[in-house]
C-alpha atoms as a PDB file:
ATOM      1  CA  MET A   1     -13.467  10.776 -18.840  1.00  0.00           C
ATOM      2  CA  GLU A   2     -12.119  13.732 -17.185  1.00  0.00           C
ATOM      3  CA  PHE A   3      -8.627  14.415 -17.211  1.00  0.00           C
ATOM      4  CA  GLU A   4      -8.526  14.534 -13.230  1.00  0.00           C
ATOM      5  CA  VAL A   5     -10.041  11.189 -13.258  1.00  0.00           C
ATOM      6  CA  ILE A   6      -7.395   9.744 -15.456  1.00  0.00           C
ATOM      7  CA  VAL A   7      -4.326  11.177 -13.795  1.00  0.00           C
ATOM      8  CA  SER A   8      -6.025   9.924 -10.543  1.00  0.00           C
ATOM      9  CA  LEU A   9      -6.330   6.418 -11.626  1.00  0.00           C
ATOM     10  CA  LEU A  10      -2.816   6.135 -13.247  1.00  0.00           C
ATOM     11  CA  SER A  11      -1.580   7.808  -9.741  1.00  0.00           C
ATOM     12  CA  LEU A  12      -3.280   5.380  -7.785  1.00  0.00           C
ATOM     13  CA  VAL A  13      -2.360   2.461  -9.693  1.00  0.00           C
ATOM     14  CA  ALA A  14       1.316   3.264  -9.763  1.00  0.00           C
ATOM     15  CA  LEU A  15       1.533   4.180  -5.672  1.00  0.00           C
ATOM     16  CA  GLU A  16      -0.712   0.816  -5.285  1.00  0.00           C
ATOM     17  CA  ALA A  17       2.126  -1.287  -7.323  1.00  0.00           C
ATOM     18  CA  VAL A  18       4.866   0.231  -5.408  1.00  0.00           C
ATOM     19  CA  LEU A  19       3.372  -0.151  -2.186  1.00  0.00           C
ATOM     20  CA  GLY A  20       2.220  -3.527  -2.887  1.00  0.00           C
ATOM     21  CA  ILE A  21       5.748  -4.994  -3.385  1.00  0.00           C
ATOM     22  CA  ASP A  22       5.863  -5.997   0.499  1.00  0.00           C
ATOM     23  CA  ASN A  23       2.905  -7.996  -0.030  1.00  0.00           C
ATOM     24  CA  VAL A  24       4.246  -9.819  -3.209  1.00  0.00           C
ATOM     25  CA  ILE A  25       7.791 -10.397  -1.238  1.00  0.00           C
ATOM     26  CA  PHE A  26       5.820 -11.878   1.641  1.00  0.00           C
ATOM     27  CA  ILE A  27       3.858 -14.108  -0.471  1.00  0.00           C
ATOM     28  CA  SER A  28       6.907 -15.391  -2.285  1.00  0.00           C
ATOM     29  CA  ILE A  29       8.679 -16.094   1.104  1.00  0.00           C
ATOM     30  CA  ILE A  30       5.549 -18.065   2.271  1.00  0.00           C
ATOM     31  CA  ALA A  31       5.192 -19.885  -0.838  1.00  0.00           C
ATOM     32  CA  ALA A  32       9.035 -20.786  -0.608  1.00  0.00           C
ATOM     33  CA  LYS A  33       7.834 -23.128   2.186  1.00  0.00           C
ATOM     34  CA  LEU A  34       5.841 -25.204  -0.036  1.00  0.00           C
ATOM     35  CA  PRO A  35       7.028 -28.042  -2.727  1.00  0.00           C
ATOM     36  CA  ALA A  36       8.424 -26.487  -6.035  1.00  0.00           C
ATOM     37  CA  ASN A  37       5.416 -27.643  -7.877  1.00  0.00           C
ATOM     38  CA  GLN A  38       2.836 -25.472  -5.628  1.00  0.00           C
ATOM     39  CA  GLN A  39       4.859 -22.390  -4.984  1.00  0.00           C
ATOM     40  CA  LYS A  40       3.429 -20.694  -8.288  1.00  0.00           C
ATOM     41  CA  LYS A  41       0.092 -21.613  -7.409  1.00  0.00           C
ATOM     42  CA  ALA A  42       0.384 -20.536  -4.031  1.00  0.00           C
ATOM     43  CA  ARG A  43       1.544 -17.400  -5.401  1.00  0.00           C
ATOM     44  CA  GLN A  44      -1.274 -16.891  -7.868  1.00  0.00           C
ATOM     45  CA  TYR A  45      -3.765 -17.526  -5.110  1.00  0.00           C
ATOM     46  CA  GLY A  46      -2.300 -15.233  -2.720  1.00  0.00           C
ATOM     47  CA  LEU A  47      -2.314 -12.150  -5.424  1.00  0.00           C
ATOM     48  CA  VAL A  48      -5.993 -13.071  -6.232  1.00  0.00           C
ATOM     49  CA  LEU A  49      -6.967 -13.427  -2.570  1.00  0.00           C
ATOM     50  CA  ALA A  50      -5.268  -9.685  -1.929  1.00  0.00           C
ATOM     51  CA  GLY A  51      -7.516  -8.428  -4.636  1.00  0.00           C
ATOM     52  CA  VAL A  52     -10.719  -9.837  -3.044  1.00  0.00           C
ATOM     53  CA  MET A  53      -9.850  -8.754   0.036  1.00  0.00           C
ATOM     54  CA  ARG A  54      -9.435  -5.180  -1.188  1.00  0.00           C
ATOM     55  CA  ILE A  55     -12.579  -5.216  -3.244  1.00  0.00           C
ATOM     56  CA  GLY A  56     -14.544  -6.576   0.028  1.00  0.00           C
ATOM     57  CA  LEU A  57     -13.246  -3.904   2.319  1.00  0.00           C
ATOM     58  CA  LEU A  58     -13.669  -1.235  -0.031  1.00  0.00           C
ATOM     59  CA  LEU A  59     -17.383  -2.296  -0.500  1.00  0.00           C
ATOM     60  CA  VAL A  60     -17.658  -2.125   3.346  1.00  0.00           C
ATOM     61  CA  ILE A  61     -15.742   1.565   3.784  1.00  0.00           C
ATOM     62  CA  SER A  62     -17.931   2.861   0.613  1.00  0.00           C
ATOM     63  CA  LEU A  63     -21.036   2.278   2.324  1.00  0.00           C
ATOM     64  CA  ILE A  64     -19.647   3.800   5.638  1.00  0.00           C
ATOM     65  CA  MET A  65     -18.626   6.788   3.662  1.00  0.00           C
ATOM     66  CA  LYS A  66     -22.280   7.645   2.763  1.00  0.00           C
ATOM     67  CA  LEU A  67     -22.947   8.330   6.496  1.00  0.00           C
ATOM     68  CA  ASP A  68     -23.171  11.937   6.435  1.00  0.00           C
ATOM     69  CA  LYS A  69     -25.317  12.565   9.310  1.00  0.00           C
ATOM     70  CA  ASP A  70     -23.525  13.824  12.832  1.00  0.00           C
ATOM     71  CA  LEU A  71     -23.209  11.455  15.278  1.00  0.00           C
ATOM     72  CA  PHE A  72     -21.930  13.770  18.113  1.00  0.00           C
ATOM     73  CA  VAL A  73     -20.617  16.948  18.539  1.00  0.00           C
ATOM     74  CA  VAL A  74     -17.513  18.304  19.976  1.00  0.00           C
ATOM     75  CA  PHE A  75     -16.604  21.872  20.837  1.00  0.00           C
ATOM     76  CA  GLY A  76     -19.373  22.689  18.218  1.00  0.00           C
ATOM     77  CA  GLU A  77     -17.893  20.582  15.630  1.00  0.00           C
ATOM     78  CA  GLY A  78     -20.270  17.501  14.451  1.00  0.00           C
ATOM     79  CA  PHE A  79     -18.555  14.313  13.552  1.00  0.00           C
ATOM     80  CA  SER A  80     -20.363  12.176  11.089  1.00  0.00           C
ATOM     81  CA  GLY A  81     -19.451   8.233  10.470  1.00  0.00           C
ATOM     82  CA  LYS A  82     -17.824   9.104   7.067  1.00  0.00           C
ATOM     83  CA  GLU A  83     -15.709  11.818   9.103  1.00  0.00           C
ATOM     84  CA  LEU A  84     -14.445   9.367  11.594  1.00  0.00           C
ATOM     85  CA  VAL A  85     -13.600   6.953   8.891  1.00  0.00           C
ATOM     86  CA  LEU A  86     -11.232   9.600   7.348  1.00  0.00           C
ATOM     87  CA  LEU A  87      -9.777  10.744  10.641  1.00  0.00           C
ATOM     88  CA  ALA A  88      -9.007   7.114  11.639  1.00  0.00           C
ATOM     89  CA  GLY A  89      -7.588   6.111   8.286  1.00  0.00           C
ATOM     90  CA  GLY A  90      -5.587   9.135   8.167  1.00  0.00           C
ATOM     91  CA  LEU A  91      -4.141   8.774  11.536  1.00  0.00           C
ATOM     92  CA  PHE A  92      -3.407   5.028  10.570  1.00  0.00           C
ATOM     93  CA  LEU A  93      -1.572   6.099   7.438  1.00  0.00           C
ATOM     94  CA  LEU A  94       0.352   8.719   9.333  1.00  0.00           C
ATOM     95  CA  TYR A  95       1.447   6.153  11.888  1.00  0.00           C
ATOM     96  CA  LYS A  96       2.016   3.281   9.538  1.00  0.00           C
ATOM     97  CA  SER A  97       4.036   5.163   6.971  1.00  0.00           C
ATOM     98  CA  SER A  98       6.178   7.017   9.935  1.00  0.00           C
ATOM     99  CA  THR A  99       6.949   3.565  11.458  1.00  0.00           C
ATOM    100  CA  GLU A 100       8.006   2.051   7.971  1.00  0.00           C
ATOM    101  CA  ILE A 101      10.158   4.721   7.088  1.00  0.00           C
ATOM    102  CA  TYR A 102      11.776   4.530  10.621  1.00  0.00           C
ATOM    103  CA  HIS A 103      12.174   0.680  10.155  1.00  0.00           C
ATOM    104  CA  LYS A 104      13.611   1.128   6.767  1.00  0.00           C
ATOM    105  CA  MET A 105      16.398   3.424   7.788  1.00  0.00           C
ATOM    106  CA  GLU A 106      16.965   1.933  11.080  1.00  0.00           C
ATOM    107  CA  GLY A 107      15.692  -1.310  11.498  1.00  0.00           C
ATOM    108  CA  GLU A 108      14.460  -3.147  14.433  1.00  0.00           C
ATOM    109  CA  GLU A 109      14.448  -6.061  16.645  1.00  0.00           C
ATOM    110  CA  GLY A 110      12.117  -9.123  16.225  1.00  0.00           C
ATOM    111  CA  ASP A 111      10.955  -8.403  12.727  1.00  0.00           C
ATOM    112  CA  GLN A 112       7.271 -10.060  12.495  1.00  0.00           C
ATOM    113  CA  SER A 113       8.654 -12.298   9.477  1.00  0.00           C
ATOM    114  CA  LYS A 114      10.422 -14.377  12.166  1.00  0.00           C
ATOM    115  CA  GLN A 115       6.839 -15.304  13.463  1.00  0.00           C
ATOM    116  CA  ILE A 116       5.891 -16.811  10.377  1.00  0.00           C
ATOM    117  CA  LYS A 117       5.090 -20.549  10.366  1.00  0.00           C
ATOM    118  CA  ALA A 118       3.824 -22.297   7.306  1.00  0.00           C
ATOM    119  CA  SER A 119       4.342 -26.184   6.214  1.00  0.00           C
ATOM    120  CA  SER A 120       0.836 -27.360   4.170  1.00  0.00           C
ATOM    121  CA  PHE A 121      -0.708 -25.574   1.256  1.00  0.00           C
ATOM    122  CA  GLY A 122      -3.844 -24.711   3.836  1.00  0.00           C
ATOM    123  CA  GLN A 123      -1.504 -22.920   6.187  1.00  0.00           C
ATOM    124  CA  VAL A 124       0.427 -21.171   3.649  1.00  0.00           C
ATOM    125  CA  LEU A 125      -2.958 -19.597   2.281  1.00  0.00           C
ATOM    126  CA  THR A 126      -4.278 -18.941   5.967  1.00  0.00           C
ATOM    127  CA  GLN A 127      -0.869 -17.073   6.287  1.00  0.00           C
ATOM    128  CA  ILE A 128      -1.242 -14.903   3.090  1.00  0.00           C
ATOM    129  CA  LEU A 129      -5.000 -14.409   3.793  1.00  0.00           C
ATOM    130  CA  ILE A 130      -4.164 -12.709   7.188  1.00  0.00           C
ATOM    131  CA  MET A 131      -1.479 -10.456   6.202  1.00  0.00           C
ATOM    132  CA  ASP A 132      -3.365  -9.728   3.033  1.00  0.00           C
ATOM    133  CA  MET A 133      -5.978  -8.322   5.290  1.00  0.00           C
ATOM    134  CA  VAL A 134      -3.069  -5.722   6.806  1.00  0.00           C
ATOM    135  CA  PHE A 135      -1.843  -4.988   3.726  1.00  0.00           C
ATOM    136  CA  SER A 136      -5.432  -4.355   2.200  1.00  0.00           C
ATOM    137  CA  ILE A 137      -6.111  -1.715   5.076  1.00  0.00           C
ATOM    138  CA  ASP A 138      -3.165   0.197   3.720  1.00  0.00           C
ATOM    139  CA  SER A 139      -4.119   0.004   0.231  1.00  0.00           C
ATOM    140  CA  ILE A 140      -8.000   1.047   0.501  1.00  0.00           C
ATOM    141  CA  ILE A 141      -7.223   4.178   2.963  1.00  0.00           C
ATOM    142  CA  THR A 142      -4.637   5.205   0.424  1.00  0.00           C
ATOM    143  CA  ALA A 143      -7.526   4.918  -2.428  1.00  0.00           C
ATOM    144  CA  ILE A 144      -9.952   6.757  -0.571  1.00  0.00           C
ATOM    145  CA  GLY A 145      -7.459   9.724   0.160  1.00  0.00           C
ATOM    146  CA  MET A 146      -6.411  10.093  -3.373  1.00  0.00           C
ATOM    147  CA  VAL A 147      -9.836   9.698  -5.376  1.00  0.00           C
ATOM    148  CA  LYS A 148     -13.523  10.360  -4.931  1.00  0.00           C
ATOM    149  CA  GLU A 149     -15.019   8.028  -7.257  1.00  0.00           C
ATOM    150  CA  VAL A 150     -15.811   4.540  -6.283  1.00  0.00           C
ATOM    151  CA  TRP A 151     -15.563   3.114  -9.508  1.00  0.00           C
ATOM    152  CA  VAL A 152     -11.949   4.435  -9.833  1.00  0.00           C
ATOM    153  CA  MET A 153     -11.017   2.806  -6.755  1.00  0.00           C
ATOM    154  CA  TYR A 154     -12.220  -0.729  -7.990  1.00  0.00           C
ATOM    155  CA  VAL A 155     -10.642  -0.610 -11.203  1.00  0.00           C
ATOM    156  CA  ALA A 156      -7.340   0.843  -9.607  1.00  0.00           C
ATOM    157  CA  VAL A 157      -7.545  -2.087  -7.045  1.00  0.00           C
ATOM    158  CA  ILE A 158      -8.359  -4.705 -10.052  1.00  0.00           C
ATOM    159  CA  ALA A 159      -5.494  -3.385 -12.170  1.00  0.00           C
ATOM    160  CA  THR A 160      -2.775  -3.463  -9.534  1.00  0.00           C
ATOM    161  CA  VAL A 161      -3.560  -7.133  -8.875  1.00  0.00           C
ATOM    162  CA  ILE A 162      -3.254  -8.028 -12.609  1.00  0.00           C
ATOM    163  CA  LEU A 163      -0.141  -5.843 -12.756  1.00  0.00           C
ATOM    164  CA  MET A 164       1.297  -7.867  -9.834  1.00  0.00           C
ATOM    165  CA  LEU A 165       0.519 -11.328 -11.211  1.00  0.00           C
ATOM    166  CA  VAL A 166       2.394 -10.225 -14.542  1.00  0.00           C
ATOM    167  CA  ALA A 167       4.966  -8.019 -13.540  1.00  0.00           C
ATOM    168  CA  ALA A 168       5.565  -8.434  -9.663  1.00  0.00           C
ATOM    169  CA  GLU A 169       9.340  -9.786 -10.190  1.00  0.00           C
ATOM    170  CA  THR A 170      10.102  -6.676 -12.465  1.00  0.00           C
ATOM    171  CA  ILE A 171       8.455  -4.146 -10.585  1.00  0.00           C
ATOM    172  CA  SER A 172      10.163  -5.811  -7.240  1.00  0.00           C
ATOM    173  CA  ASN A 173      13.528  -5.542  -8.636  1.00  0.00           C
ATOM    174  CA  PHE A 174      13.361  -2.011 -10.124  1.00  0.00           C
ATOM    175  CA  VAL A 175      12.278  -0.824  -6.356  1.00  0.00           C
ATOM    176  CA  ASN A 176      15.087  -2.731  -4.851  1.00  0.00           C
ATOM    177  CA  ARG A 177      17.583  -0.955  -7.309  1.00  0.00           C
ATOM    178  CA  HIS A 178      15.941   2.446  -6.457  1.00  0.00           C
ATOM    179  CA  PRO A 179      14.932   2.290  -2.960  1.00  0.00           C
ATOM    180  CA  ALA A 180      14.263   6.117  -3.078  1.00  0.00           C
ATOM    181  CA  PHE A 181      11.272   5.028  -5.231  1.00  0.00           C
ATOM    182  CA  LYS A 182       9.816   3.087  -1.989  1.00  0.00           C
ATOM    183  CA  MET A 183      10.844   5.925   0.369  1.00  0.00           C
ATOM    184  CA  LEU A 184       8.905   8.502  -2.135  1.00  0.00           C
ATOM    185  CA  ALA A 185       5.758   6.135  -2.055  1.00  0.00           C
ATOM    186  CA  LEU A 186       5.918   6.229   1.952  1.00  0.00           C
ATOM    187  CA  SER A 187       6.188   9.938   1.965  1.00  0.00           C
ATOM    188  CA  PHE A 188       3.034  10.233  -0.499  1.00  0.00           C
ATOM    189  CA  LEU A 189       1.319   8.255   2.187  1.00  0.00           C
ATOM    190  CA  LEU A 190       2.195  10.905   4.913  1.00  0.00           C
ATOM    191  CA  LEU A 191       0.765  13.505   2.754  1.00  0.00           C
ATOM    192  CA  ILE A 192      -2.399  11.495   1.771  1.00  0.00           C
ATOM    193  CA  GLY A 193      -2.809  10.499   5.534  1.00  0.00           C
ATOM    194  CA  PHE A 194      -2.758  14.431   6.492  1.00  0.00           C
ATOM    195  CA  SER A 195      -5.255  15.118   3.760  1.00  0.00           C
ATOM    196  CA  LEU A 196      -7.571  12.542   5.279  1.00  0.00           C
ATOM    197  CA  VAL A 197      -7.056  14.064   8.764  1.00  0.00           C
ATOM    198  CA  SER A 198      -7.729  17.392   7.408  1.00  0.00           C
ATOM    199  CA  GLU A 199     -10.953  16.235   5.679  1.00  0.00           C
ATOM    200  CA  GLY A 200     -12.141  14.320   8.693  1.00  0.00           C
ATOM    201  CA  PHE A 201     -11.879  17.831  10.511  1.00  0.00           C
ATOM    202  CA  GLY A 202     -14.198  19.376   7.872  1.00  0.00           C
ATOM    203  CA  LEU A 203     -11.150  21.071   5.774  1.00  0.00           C
ATOM    204  CA  GLU A 204     -10.977  19.246   2.379  1.00  0.00           C
ATOM    205  CA  ILE A 205      -7.385  19.983   0.414  1.00  0.00           C
ATOM    206  CA  PRO A 206      -8.174  19.863  -3.386  1.00  0.00           C
ATOM    207  CA  LYS A 207      -6.870  16.623  -4.816  1.00  0.00           C
ATOM    208  CA  GLY A 208      -5.055  19.035  -7.332  1.00  0.00           C
ATOM    209  CA  TYR A 209      -2.778  20.031  -4.936  1.00  0.00           C
ATOM    210  CA  ILE A 210      -1.911  16.615  -3.775  1.00  0.00           C
ATOM    211  CA  TYR A 211      -1.493  15.282  -7.435  1.00  0.00           C
ATOM    212  CA  PHE A 212       0.720  18.125  -8.223  1.00  0.00           C
ATOM    213  CA  SER A 213       3.063  17.617  -5.343  1.00  0.00           C
ATOM    214  CA  MET A 214       3.200  13.818  -5.944  1.00  0.00           C
ATOM    215  CA  ALA A 215       4.007  14.223  -9.542  1.00  0.00           C
ATOM    216  CA  PHE A 216       6.621  17.161  -9.042  1.00  0.00           C
ATOM    217  CA  SER A 217       8.289  14.826  -6.603  1.00  0.00           C
ATOM    218  CA  LEU A 218       8.254  11.774  -8.861  1.00  0.00           C
ATOM    219  CA  LEU A 219       9.684  13.657 -11.391  1.00  0.00           C
ATOM    220  CA  VAL A 220      12.512  15.180  -9.779  1.00  0.00           C
ATOM    221  CA  ASP A 221      13.303  11.684  -8.444  1.00  0.00           C
ATOM    222  CA  VAL A 222      13.311  10.408 -12.021  1.00  0.00           C
ATOM    223  CA  PHE A 223      15.731  13.271 -13.077  1.00  0.00           C
ATOM    224  CA  GLN A 224      17.918  12.435 -10.218  1.00  0.00           C
ATOM    225  CA  MET A 225      18.181   8.643 -11.265  1.00  0.00           C
ATOM    226  CA  ARG A 226      18.468   9.647 -14.836  1.00  0.00           C
ATOM    227  CA  MET A 227      21.476  12.093 -14.011  1.00  0.00           C
ATOM    228  CA  ASN A 228      23.396  10.034 -11.421  1.00  0.00           C
ATOM    229  CA  LYS A 229      25.441   7.613 -13.604  1.00  0.00           C
ATOM    230  CA  SER A 230      27.413   6.439 -10.430  1.00  0.00           C
ATOM    231  CA  LYS A 231      27.759   2.624 -10.367  1.00  0.00           C
ATOM    232  CA  SER A 232      27.994   2.557  -6.557  1.00  0.00           C
ATOM    233  CA  ALA A 233      25.323   0.740  -4.752  1.00  0.00           C
ATOM    234  CA  PRO A 234      22.357   2.377  -3.485  1.00  0.00           C
ATOM    235  CA  VAL A 235      21.580   2.635  -0.002  1.00  0.00           C
ATOM    236  CA  LYS A 236      20.250  -0.671   1.552  1.00  0.00           C
ATOM    237  CA  THR A 237      16.942  -0.246   3.550  1.00  0.00           C
ATOM    238  CA  HIS A 238      15.842  -2.788   6.095  1.00  0.00           C
ATOM    239  CA  GLU A 239      12.911  -4.766   4.934  1.00  0.00           C
ATOM    240  CA  HIS A 240      10.230  -7.059   6.826  1.00  0.00           C
ATOM    241  CA  TYR A 241      10.628  -9.721   4.165  1.00  0.00           C
ATOM    242  CA  GLN A 242      13.804 -10.589   2.163  1.00  0.00           C
ATOM    243  CA  GLN A 243      13.781 -13.021  -0.587  1.00  0.00           C
ATOM    244  CA  GLY A 244      16.479 -15.663  -0.298  1.00  0.00           C
ATOM    245  CA  GLU A 245      16.758 -15.121   3.667  1.00  0.00           C
ATOM    246  CA  ASP A 246      15.842 -18.184   5.657  1.00  0.00           C
ATOM    247  CA  ARG A 247      14.095 -16.093   8.331  1.00  0.00           C
ATOM    248  CA  LEU A 248      11.104 -18.357   8.850  1.00  0.00           C
ATOM    249  CA  LEU A 249      10.133 -20.978  11.399  1.00  0.00           C
ATOM    250  CA  PRO A 250      10.265 -24.311  10.593  1.00  0.00           C
END
């Protein structure tokens, strides 16, 4: 296996794990509306559904990515189905990551978690399924922007779901203690979104540049965390879903 493929796989799994924290927290909040003996089952079902949703979307998008023939021409530049997907995905990532960074720094009124209703096990799974679809779009577009090999995307998605099933609470606690990692991951999405838009216009940025930028930024963040021995509390970011807060409709 080539070194670049291994790096891309590990990078994608790590990024998907950090970005998947919101999904895990959402599932935990919704599951908390159920009786105690059903909560663990709902959380497990929710994460499995998230994995199935991601694989299904990945299969569909992978087929679209094979459409290389131009559908129309604008100012002498042809656009195929693949390039339209890349453009749409890149713009979506740029928008979503920008709004998430703003939300976590500034907050916003009428957070979407206030619109959650759940009481029965079936209603819980329905809510989880709908929101899994939203989270899955981010996940799959990120995977397309980072790697070329479809099998790497599948392995990364499956590995991330397994990782979440086993270590969701540990990862969540780490990210909450060090919010800089969450902001860094969102910054990576900006980079990936830009690369997708660029590729959609026919200008492909070598993946090695992207991996180096991400690795260097992550390394600096780790060094800063190790060097900063201050016991002061980190900056508290605004989150859509907060465990322990009764923000759900009865």
